[in-house]
Protein backbone atom coordinates (compact mmCIF):
# COMPACT_ATOMS: atom_id res chain seq x y z
CA MET A 1 11.26 3.38 9.63
CA GLY A 2 11.13 0.12 11.28
CA VAL A 3 10.58 -1.69 14.51
CA PRO A 4 13.44 -3.49 16.26
CA LEU A 5 13.80 -7.11 15.01
CA LEU A 6 16.07 -9.74 16.59
CA PRO A 7 18.14 -11.76 14.14
CA LEU A 8 15.83 -14.47 12.62
CA THR A 9 17.13 -17.98 12.43
CA ALA A 10 15.50 -20.43 10.00
CA LEU A 11 13.50 -23.24 11.70
CA ASN A 12 13.48 -26.46 9.70
CA ALA A 13 11.41 -28.35 12.35
CA ARG A 14 8.16 -26.89 11.35
CA ALA A 15 6.78 -29.78 9.03
CA ASP A 16 3.74 -27.87 8.28
CA MET A 17 5.42 -24.59 6.99
CA GLN A 18 8.38 -24.84 4.61
CA ILE A 19 10.41 -21.91 3.45
CA THR A 20 12.32 -21.84 0.13
CA ALA A 21 14.58 -18.95 -0.47
CA SER A 22 15.61 -17.96 -4.15
CA GLU A 23 19.25 -17.82 -5.14
CA GLY A 24 21.04 -14.82 -3.73
CA PHE A 25 18.33 -14.26 -1.07
CA THR A 26 17.70 -15.41 2.58
CA LEU A 27 14.24 -15.84 3.79
CA THR A 28 13.98 -16.82 7.58
CA TRP A 29 11.60 -17.18 10.44
CA ASP A 30 12.34 -17.43 14.14
CA GLY A 31 9.12 -18.89 15.26
CA ASN A 32 7.35 -15.61 16.13
CA GLU A 33 3.60 -16.03 15.95
CA ALA A 34 0.50 -13.82 16.75
CA ASP A 35 2.64 -10.92 17.89
CA HIS A 36 0.41 -7.98 18.56
CA PHE A 37 -2.71 -10.19 18.80
CA SER A 38 -5.78 -8.87 20.64
CA GLU A 39 -9.35 -9.86 20.72
CA GLU A 40 -10.37 -6.32 21.03
CA GLU A 41 -11.93 -4.14 18.26
CA ALA A 42 -9.68 -2.07 16.01
CA VAL A 43 -6.53 -3.94 16.83
CA PRO A 44 -3.62 -1.57 15.96
CA VAL A 45 -0.66 -2.75 13.72
CA PRO A 46 2.73 -1.50 14.65
CA ALA A 47 4.26 1.48 12.75
CA ASN A 48 5.83 0.23 9.55
CA LEU A 49 6.69 1.28 5.86
CA ALA A 50 3.52 0.05 4.58
CA THR A 51 1.49 2.44 6.60
CA ALA A 52 3.85 5.41 5.94
CA ALA A 53 3.07 8.22 3.72
CA GLY A 54 3.51 7.44 0.07
CA ALA A 55 2.74 3.73 0.43
CA THR A 56 -0.15 2.57 -1.79
CA ALA A 57 -1.76 -0.99 -1.89
CA PHE A 58 -2.56 -2.65 -5.22
CA THR A 59 -4.03 -6.22 -6.03
CA SER A 60 -5.08 -8.30 -8.87
CA SER A 61 -8.69 -7.75 -7.97
CA ASP A 62 -10.91 -7.56 -4.90
CA LEU A 63 -13.81 -9.63 -3.57
CA GLY A 64 -15.49 -6.94 -1.59
CA PRO A 65 -17.03 -4.91 -4.62
CA LEU A 66 -18.21 -8.35 -6.13
CA LEU A 67 -20.14 -8.85 -2.87
CA ASN A 68 -21.29 -5.30 -2.38
CA ILE A 69 -19.53 -5.24 1.02
CA PRO A 70 -17.09 -2.54 2.43
CA TYR A 71 -14.24 -4.88 3.27
CA HIS A 72 -12.10 -7.64 1.47
CA VAL A 73 -10.52 -4.64 -0.51
CA ALA A 74 -6.98 -3.55 -1.41
CA ALA A 75 -7.05 -0.58 0.90
CA ASN A 76 -7.47 -2.99 3.91
CA LEU A 77 -3.76 -4.36 3.35
CA ASN A 78 -2.28 -1.31 4.85
CA ASP A 79 -5.10 0.26 6.88
CA GLY A 80 -3.39 -0.41 10.01
CA LEU A 81 -5.76 -2.64 11.56
CA TYR A 82 -5.86 -6.51 12.07
CA GLY A 83 -8.97 -8.76 11.80
CA ASN A 84 -11.25 -10.07 9.18
CA ALA A 85 -13.44 -6.98 8.68
CA ASN A 86 -10.22 -5.13 7.83
CA SER A 87 -8.87 -7.82 5.37
CA TRP A 88 -8.45 -8.47 1.71
CA ILE A 89 -9.43 -11.37 -0.46
CA GLY A 90 -8.85 -11.42 -4.27
CA GLY A 91 -11.82 -11.24 -6.74
CA ASP A 92 -12.29 -13.24 -9.89
CA ALA A 93 -8.95 -12.14 -11.67
CA PRO A 94 -6.66 -15.15 -11.97
CA ASN A 95 -3.04 -15.27 -10.65
CA ALA A 96 -4.09 -13.45 -7.50
CA PHE A 97 -1.62 -11.15 -5.57
CA ALA A 98 -1.59 -8.35 -2.98
CA GLY A 99 1.05 -5.66 -3.23
CA LEU A 100 2.31 -2.39 -1.84
CA SER A 101 4.11 0.31 -3.60
CA LEU A 102 6.66 2.25 -1.29
CA GLY A 103 6.73 5.46 -3.05
CA GLY A 104 10.51 5.11 -3.76
CA LEU A 105 13.61 2.86 -3.41
CA THR A 106 13.51 1.61 0.28
CA THR A 107 15.52 -0.99 2.31
CA LEU A 108 13.24 -3.80 3.60
CA SER A 109 14.61 -6.13 6.20
CA SER A 110 11.32 -7.92 7.19
CA PHE A 111 7.80 -8.45 6.28
CA ALA A 112 4.78 -9.74 8.07
CA PHE A 113 1.19 -10.87 7.15
CA GLY A 114 -1.63 -13.10 8.72
CA ARG A 115 -5.19 -14.22 7.92
CA ASP A 116 -6.73 -13.13 11.11
CA ASN A 117 -4.63 -11.52 13.92
CA GLY A 118 -7.39 -9.93 16.10
CA ASN A 119 -10.80 -8.04 16.45
CA ASN A 120 -12.69 -11.18 17.30
CA ALA A 121 -15.18 -9.11 19.56
CA THR A 122 -16.90 -7.21 16.78
CA ASP A 123 -15.99 -9.06 13.53
CA PRO A 124 -19.25 -9.43 11.53
CA ASN A 125 -18.33 -13.29 10.96
CA GLY A 126 -17.76 -13.66 14.77
CA GLY A 127 -14.71 -15.19 16.71
CA GLN A 128 -11.37 -16.20 15.40
CA LEU A 129 -11.37 -17.17 11.71
CA THR A 130 -9.04 -20.04 10.61
CA ASP A 131 -9.77 -20.68 6.93
CA ARG A 132 -8.54 -19.21 3.75
CA CYS A 133 -4.77 -19.40 4.70
CA LEU A 134 -3.38 -22.73 3.49
CA GLY A 135 -1.18 -23.07 0.29
CA ILE A 136 1.98 -21.69 -1.29
CA TYR A 137 2.78 -17.98 -0.95
CA THR A 138 5.32 -16.46 -3.38
CA VAL A 139 7.21 -13.39 -2.04
CA GLN A 140 8.32 -10.87 -4.68
CA ILE A 141 10.10 -7.36 -5.03
CA THR A 142 10.72 -4.98 -7.72
CA ARG A 143 12.86 -1.91 -8.04
CA VAL A 144 11.08 -0.39 -11.18
CA SER A 145 10.17 3.26 -11.00
CA PHE A 146 6.44 3.33 -10.99
CA PRO A 147 5.38 -0.27 -9.65
CA ASP A 148 1.72 -1.13 -9.89
CA ALA A 149 -0.75 -3.92 -10.70
CA THR A 150 0.52 -4.12 -14.25
CA THR A 151 4.26 -4.42 -13.55
CA PRO A 152 5.44 -7.64 -15.41
CA ASP A 153 6.94 -10.69 -13.74
CA THR A 154 10.42 -10.72 -15.28
CA GLY A 155 12.67 -12.41 -12.88
CA ASP A 156 14.66 -9.39 -12.50
CA ALA A 157 13.82 -6.62 -10.02
CA ALA A 158 15.48 -3.93 -12.15
CA THR A 159 12.70 -4.60 -14.91
CA GLY A 160 9.84 -6.20 -13.03
CA TRP A 161 9.04 -8.68 -10.30
CA GLN A 162 11.65 -10.97 -8.89
CA THR A 163 10.87 -13.96 -6.42
CA VAL A 164 12.61 -13.89 -3.08
CA GLY A 165 11.19 -17.14 -2.09
CA THR A 166 8.16 -19.24 -1.22
CA LEU A 167 6.28 -20.01 2.09
CA ASN A 168 4.39 -23.42 1.94
CA TYR A 169 1.58 -23.15 4.60
CA ALA A 170 0.80 -26.87 4.30
CA ALA A 171 -1.30 -27.40 7.60
CA ASN A 172 -1.53 -26.23 11.14
CA ASP A 173 0.79 -27.82 13.72
CA ASP A 174 -1.68 -26.63 16.45
CA GLU A 175 -4.26 -24.17 17.21
CA VAL A 176 -2.51 -22.59 20.17
CA SER A 177 -0.88 -19.12 19.36
CA GLY A 178 2.86 -18.83 20.08
CA GLU A 179 3.74 -22.43 20.25
CA LEU A 180 4.07 -24.42 17.13
CA PHE A 181 2.79 -23.20 13.70
CA THR A 182 -0.71 -22.00 13.24
CA ALA A 183 -1.22 -20.67 9.64
CA TYR A 184 -3.97 -18.09 10.38
CA TYR A 185 -1.99 -15.86 12.83
CA ARG A 186 0.46 -13.22 11.98
CA HIS A 187 3.99 -14.33 11.14
CA GLN A 188 7.03 -12.10 10.51
CA PHE A 189 9.96 -13.06 8.24
CA ALA A 190 13.32 -11.49 7.60
CA ILE A 191 14.89 -11.13 4.13
CA THR A 192 18.24 -10.22 2.88
CA GLN A 193 20.04 -10.12 -0.48
CA GLY A 194 23.75 -10.59 -0.61
CA ALA A 195 26.43 -11.34 1.98
CA GLY A 196 26.70 -8.72 4.78
CA THR A 197 23.43 -6.97 4.09
CA THR A 198 20.53 -6.19 6.44
CA GLY A 199 17.80 -6.23 3.82
CA VAL A 200 16.76 -5.81 0.16
CA GLN A 201 16.12 -2.73 -1.84
CA ALA A 202 12.64 -2.39 -3.40
CA THR A 203 10.29 0.00 -4.62
CA ALA A 204 7.36 -2.40 -4.19
CA PHE A 205 6.49 -5.75 -2.46
CA ARG A 206 3.91 -8.28 -3.35
CA ILE A 207 2.59 -11.79 -2.35
CA LEU A 208 1.06 -14.14 -4.86
CA VAL A 209 -1.49 -15.97 -2.96
CA PRO A 210 -2.52 -19.63 -3.11
CA ALA A 211 -6.26 -18.90 -4.20
CA THR A 212 -8.62 -16.35 -4.97
CA GLY A 213 -12.52 -15.79 -5.14
CA LEU A 214 -15.50 -16.32 -2.98
CA ASN A 215 -14.89 -20.12 -2.72
CA GLY A 216 -11.78 -20.52 -0.68
CA GLY A 217 -9.89 -17.34 -1.81
CA THR A 218 -6.83 -16.40 0.35
CA ASP A 219 -7.49 -13.88 3.11
CA ILE A 220 -4.84 -11.42 4.28
CA ASP A 221 -5.69 -8.81 7.05
CA GLU A 222 -2.60 -6.80 6.77
CA ILE A 223 0.85 -6.73 5.25
CA GLU A 224 3.61 -5.04 6.98
CA LEU A 225 6.97 -3.96 5.76
CA HIS A 226 9.73 -3.19 8.20
CA GLY A 227 13.15 -1.50 7.54
CA PRO A 228 16.42 -2.44 9.33
CA ALA A 229 16.65 -1.74 13.02
CA THR A 230 20.25 -0.65 12.69
CA VAL A 231 22.30 1.40 9.96
CA THR A 232 23.59 -0.69 7.34
CA LEU A 233 27.37 -0.76 6.74
CA ASP A 234 29.04 1.33 4.07
CA LYS A 235 32.29 -0.75 3.87
CA ASP A 236 33.85 1.33 0.97
CA GLY A 237 32.91 4.59 2.37
CA ASP A 238 31.32 5.89 -1.04
CA GLY A 239 28.11 7.15 0.63
CA PHE A 240 25.99 4.18 -0.23
CA ASP A 241 25.15 1.40 2.19
CA ASP A 242 26.10 -2.24 1.34
CA THR A 243 22.40 -3.34 0.78
CA VAL A 244 21.88 -0.55 -1.85
CA GLU A 245 25.06 -1.40 -3.78
CA THR A 246 24.51 -5.26 -3.89
CA ALA A 247 20.84 -4.65 -5.00
CA LEU A 248 21.94 -2.48 -7.83
CA GLY A 249 24.91 -4.62 -9.07
CA PHE A 250 27.73 -2.59 -7.57
CA ASP A 251 30.73 -3.87 -5.40
CA PRO A 252 30.18 -2.76 -1.82
CA ALA A 253 33.81 -3.25 -1.02
CA ASN A 254 35.21 -1.12 -3.95
CA PRO A 255 34.74 2.65 -3.70
CA ALA A 256 35.25 3.18 -7.30
CA SER A 257 32.19 1.05 -7.90
CA THR A 258 29.43 3.29 -6.98
CA PRO A 259 25.77 4.12 -7.89
CA GLU A 260 26.57 7.81 -7.84
CA GLY A 261 25.80 9.44 -11.22
CA ASN A 262 23.80 6.36 -12.34
CA ALA A 263 20.92 8.17 -14.05
CA ALA A 264 18.26 7.37 -16.41
CA ILE A 265 15.53 9.02 -18.38
CA GLU A 266 12.05 7.35 -17.58
CA THR A 267 9.04 7.57 -19.73
CA ALA A 268 5.62 8.10 -18.16
CA VAL A 269 2.02 9.13 -18.83
CA GLU A 270 -0.10 11.47 -16.80
CA PHE A 271 -3.76 10.61 -16.49
CA SER A 272 -6.14 13.18 -15.12
CA PHE A 273 -10.01 13.23 -14.55
CA TYR A 274 -12.55 15.15 -12.54
CA ALA A 275 -13.91 13.17 -9.63
CA ALA A 276 -17.32 14.21 -7.97
CA ASN A 277 -17.05 14.84 -4.18
CA GLY A 278 -17.51 11.68 -1.99
CA LYS A 279 -17.59 9.34 -4.95
CA THR A 280 -15.27 6.39 -5.43
CA TYR A 281 -13.38 5.53 -8.62
CA THR A 282 -11.30 2.77 -9.97
CA ILE A 283 -8.41 3.60 -12.61
CA GLN A 284 -8.09 1.16 -15.40
CA GLU A 285 -5.64 0.65 -18.39
CA SER A 286 -5.91 -1.18 -21.65
CA GLU A 287 -3.83 -1.89 -24.64
CA ASP A 288 -6.83 -2.16 -27.04
CA MET A 289 -9.64 -0.52 -25.16
CA THR A 290 -11.47 -3.98 -24.94
CA ALA A 291 -9.57 -5.79 -22.16
CA TRP A 292 -9.26 -3.47 -19.16
CA VAL A 293 -6.88 -4.11 -16.14
CA THR A 294 -7.20 -2.18 -12.69
CA VAL A 295 -4.21 -0.25 -11.74
CA GLU A 296 -5.64 1.52 -8.77
CA GLU A 297 -8.81 1.08 -6.75
CA ASN A 298 -10.84 3.12 -4.12
CA VAL A 299 -9.82 6.55 -5.44
CA ARG A 300 -12.00 9.08 -3.56
CA GLY A 301 -13.18 12.18 -5.38
CA LYS A 302 -13.16 15.65 -3.79
CA GLY A 303 -15.04 17.68 -6.54
CA VAL A 304 -11.58 18.56 -8.32
CA LYS A 305 -9.28 17.13 -10.83
CA ILE A 306 -7.33 13.97 -9.88
CA SER A 307 -3.96 13.33 -11.58
CA ARG A 308 -1.81 10.29 -11.67
CA VAL A 309 1.54 9.40 -13.29
CA TYR A 310 1.98 5.69 -14.50
CA SER A 311 5.37 4.39 -16.00
CA LYS A 312 5.36 3.20 -19.69
CA ALA A 313 8.57 1.30 -19.33
CA GLY A 314 8.42 -2.06 -21.06
CA LYS A 315 4.88 -1.31 -22.29
CA ASN A 316 3.26 -0.68 -25.65
CA LYS A 317 0.67 1.99 -26.08
CA ARG A 318 -1.84 2.20 -23.18
CA TYR A 319 -5.34 3.83 -22.79
CA TYR A 320 -6.65 4.86 -19.29
CA ARG A 321 -10.15 5.45 -17.90
CA ALA A 322 -11.76 6.29 -14.60
CA VAL A 323 -14.75 4.26 -13.61
CA ARG A 324 -17.20 5.29 -10.87
CA ILE A 325 -18.08 2.35 -8.71
CA ASP A 326 -20.86 3.70 -6.50
CA ALA A 327 -24.18 5.35 -7.27
């Protein structure tokens, strides 16, 4: 799934937004800004991989529950709506991030995000919001089998998070959408890994944000993930496109170098609990039953048993619990 995307060319003239790609990656922007913006209520987001079946949002923490408000939560990252009332801000956990699990290995060719790209008519804070958007954003991908909030930052996408690059939103060039650079609107960036590819292979995507919490925490109203607009080449004819082979460490020009038959036995744990109908739960894990880390939020009960499978790869013993967050 994806929306047509014209080839993006890096712009170096934007003094107030600097892009730095990690070795082996390209990260580019063609100057697009505030695409799909509307001041009307319930501004829709274009169809993308983040809103497709199987995609799940996860974060370091959420501000909404701390303030007892229904927004500024992880679920808003891919709810298909722009605007502050449909946005996320991190809570009190350090090293804040917003991520999306894709439910399987997927080719990503671009991503988009913004602080407030619409719904100015009915937002409870009123009008266009321009704060909570400056600073350095770190863009990362992973290819582990069960990515979530506990996946480690290893520098290698095969075992954890790997950095694609950084976006430094230093300041606003202007406050006019679609002209120079205005940090609080939506911007879309293209990503590739390896020569001749049209994207990167990932099971999940996340953005490490500049700040978190009530006092100045970064706000994101939506993260969009788009696939390539065209079919990727398979130069060696082995049945795997060049993007897949490059990402997995195979030679896309050599038919004898192929991921076919590349199998592994993965270790996982299944956690189950009975959830009351209409109630909301948070699932947490711990190494010692003292310090708990949230792995999934806003799990809605239906009066039946809920089951989840979490990877144990690279982890020691883990304990799990479900915590009801409403009365």
